[in-house]
């Protein structure tokens, strides 16, 4: 899983690290990478990630992206391919 500095990827990693509920549209490898990424965060970075999750939950995506943007590189988003 390649790392990304994109705030959107960092926010998705925050939201899909296993708490409160990962999005099942993502591959299991991606979800596992998000969990490992979150567990490796420093306590301060983890608090920032939780604040980004809270901002997103309030509907403030701009604040969530700003908070996520300061976090270390995160796994690049990997969706499960859709069969047609």
C-alpha atoms as a PDB file:
ATOM      1  CA  UNK A   1       0.000   0.000   0.000  1.00  0.00           C
ATOM      2  CA  UNK A   2       1.675   3.194  -1.132  1.00  0.00           C
ATOM      3  CA  UNK A   3       1.775   6.134   1.310  1.00  0.00           C
ATOM      4  CA  UNK A   4       0.091   9.430   0.514  1.00  0.00           C
ATOM      5  CA  UNK A   5       0.479  12.982   1.738  1.00  0.00           C
ATOM      6  CA  UNK A   6      -2.960  13.958   0.372  1.00  0.00           C
ATOM      7  CA  UNK A   7      -5.260  15.202   3.185  1.00  0.00           C
ATOM      8  CA  UNK A   8      -8.168  13.262   1.632  1.00  0.00           C
ATOM      9  CA  UNK A   9      -6.246   9.987   1.966  1.00  0.00           C
ATOM     10  CA  UNK A  10      -5.218  10.891   5.511  1.00  0.00           C
ATOM     11  CA  UNK A  11      -8.823  11.642   6.469  1.00  0.00           C
ATOM     12  CA  UNK A  12     -10.019   8.358   4.937  1.00  0.00           C
ATOM     13  CA  UNK A  13      -7.326   6.536   6.934  1.00  0.00           C
ATOM     14  CA  UNK A  14      -8.586   8.236  10.108  1.00  0.00           C
ATOM     15  CA  UNK A  15     -12.161   7.237   9.341  1.00  0.00           C
ATOM     16  CA  UNK A  16     -11.250   3.652   8.421  1.00  0.00           C
ATOM     17  CA  UNK A  17      -8.741   2.668  11.069  1.00  0.00           C
ATOM     18  CA  UNK A  18     -11.294   0.441  12.807  1.00  0.00           C
ATOM     19  CA  UNK A  19     -13.085   2.929  15.006  1.00  0.00           C
ATOM     20  CA  UNK A  20     -15.895   3.810  15.085  1.00  0.00           C
ATOM     21  CA  UNK A  21     -16.794   1.673  12.050  1.00  0.00           C
ATOM     22  CA  UNK A  22     -14.674   1.080   8.926  1.00  0.00           C
ATOM     23  CA  UNK A  23     -16.244   1.432   5.481  1.00  0.00           C
ATOM     24  CA  UNK A  24     -16.683  -2.037   3.962  1.00  0.00           C
ATOM     25  CA  UNK A  25     -16.246  -0.624   0.429  1.00  0.00           C
ATOM     26  CA  UNK A  26     -12.484  -0.678   1.015  1.00  0.00           C
ATOM     27  CA  UNK A  27     -10.209  -3.676   0.551  1.00  0.00           C
ATOM     28  CA  UNK A  28      -9.268  -5.645   3.685  1.00  0.00           C
ATOM     29  CA  UNK A  29      -5.581  -4.878   3.013  1.00  0.00           C
ATOM     30  CA  UNK A  30      -6.354  -1.157   2.982  1.00  0.00           C
ATOM     31  CA  UNK A  31      -8.350  -1.366   6.224  1.00  0.00           C
ATOM     32  CA  UNK A  32      -5.506  -3.298   7.878  1.00  0.00           C
ATOM     33  CA  UNK A  33      -3.013  -0.665   6.659  1.00  0.00           C
ATOM     34  CA  UNK A  34      -5.197   2.086   8.152  1.00  0.00           C
ATOM     35  CA  UNK A  35      -5.284   0.279  11.481  1.00  0.00           C
ATOM     36  CA  UNK A  36      -1.474  -0.135  11.519  1.00  0.00           C
ATOM     37  CA  UNK A  37      -1.042   3.519  10.517  1.00  0.00           C
ATOM     38  CA  UNK A  38      -3.311   4.744  13.324  1.00  0.00           C
ATOM     39  CA  UNK A  39      -1.636   2.511  15.927  1.00  0.00           C
ATOM     40  CA  UNK A  40       1.784   3.899  14.913  1.00  0.00           C
ATOM     41  CA  UNK A  41       0.725   7.541  15.422  1.00  0.00           C
ATOM     42  CA  UNK A  42       2.189   9.450  18.345  1.00  0.00           C
ATOM     43  CA  UNK A  43      -0.293  10.303  21.122  1.00  0.00           C
ATOM     44  CA  UNK A  44      -0.451  13.896  19.854  1.00  0.00           C
ATOM     45  CA  UNK A  45      -1.063  12.810  16.246  1.00  0.00           C
ATOM     46  CA  UNK A  46      -3.678  10.323  17.443  1.00  0.00           C
ATOM     47  CA  UNK A  47      -5.515  13.159  19.227  1.00  0.00           C
ATOM     48  CA  UNK A  48      -5.404  15.149  15.982  1.00  0.00           C
ATOM     49  CA  UNK A  49      -6.791  12.157  14.065  1.00  0.00           C
ATOM     50  CA  UNK A  50      -9.647  11.805  16.569  1.00  0.00           C
ATOM     51  CA  UNK A  51     -10.344  15.549  16.226  1.00  0.00           C
ATOM     52  CA  UNK A  52     -10.484  15.114  12.427  1.00  0.00           C
ATOM     53  CA  UNK A  53     -12.976  12.249  12.866  1.00  0.00           C
ATOM     54  CA  UNK A  54     -15.096  14.417  15.182  1.00  0.00           C
ATOM     55  CA  UNK A  55     -15.046  17.358  12.760  1.00  0.00           C
ATOM     56  CA  UNK A  56     -16.086  15.069   9.906  1.00  0.00           C
ATOM     57  CA  UNK A  57     -18.867  13.642  12.090  1.00  0.00           C
ATOM     58  CA  UNK A  58     -20.158  17.186  12.698  1.00  0.00           C
ATOM     59  CA  UNK A  59     -20.263  17.734   8.943  1.00  0.00           C
ATOM     60  CA  UNK A  60     -17.269  20.087   8.881  1.00  0.00           C
ATOM     61  CA  UNK A  61     -15.234  18.431   6.131  1.00  0.00           C
ATOM     62  CA  UNK A  62     -13.017  21.505   5.676  1.00  0.00           C
ATOM     63  CA  UNK A  63     -11.859  21.404   9.309  1.00  0.00           C
ATOM     64  CA  UNK A  64     -11.481  17.620   9.107  1.00  0.00           C
ATOM     65  CA  UNK A  65      -9.228  17.921   6.049  1.00  0.00           C
ATOM     66  CA  UNK A  66      -7.173  20.691   7.674  1.00  0.00           C
ATOM     67  CA  UNK A  67      -6.622  18.543  10.762  1.00  0.00           C
ATOM     68  CA  UNK A  68      -5.851  15.426   8.727  1.00  0.00           C
ATOM     69  CA  UNK A  69      -3.440  17.410   6.575  1.00  0.00           C
ATOM     70  CA  UNK A  70      -0.938  17.762   9.425  1.00  0.00           C
ATOM     71  CA  UNK A  71      -0.779  14.010  10.054  1.00  0.00           C
ATOM     72  CA  UNK A  72       2.010  11.756   8.747  1.00  0.00           C
ATOM     73  CA  UNK A  73       1.628  10.046   5.376  1.00  0.00           C
ATOM     74  CA  UNK A  74      -1.255   7.574   5.341  1.00  0.00           C
ATOM     75  CA  UNK A  75      -2.217   4.622   3.145  1.00  0.00           C
ATOM     76  CA  UNK A  76      -3.536   5.676  -0.267  1.00  0.00           C
ATOM     77  CA  UNK A  77      -7.263   4.932  -0.628  1.00  0.00           C
ATOM     78  CA  UNK A  78      -7.919   1.507  -2.157  1.00  0.00           C
ATOM     79  CA  UNK A  79     -11.517   0.696  -3.027  1.00  0.00           C
ATOM     80  CA  UNK A  80     -12.749  -2.828  -3.698  1.00  0.00           C
ATOM     81  CA  UNK A  81     -13.230  -3.180  -7.491  1.00  0.00           C
ATOM     82  CA  UNK A  82     -16.864  -3.311  -8.551  1.00  0.00           C
ATOM     83  CA  UNK A  83     -17.865  -6.214 -10.793  1.00  0.00           C
ATOM     84  CA  UNK A  84     -20.100  -5.165 -13.633  1.00  0.00           C
END
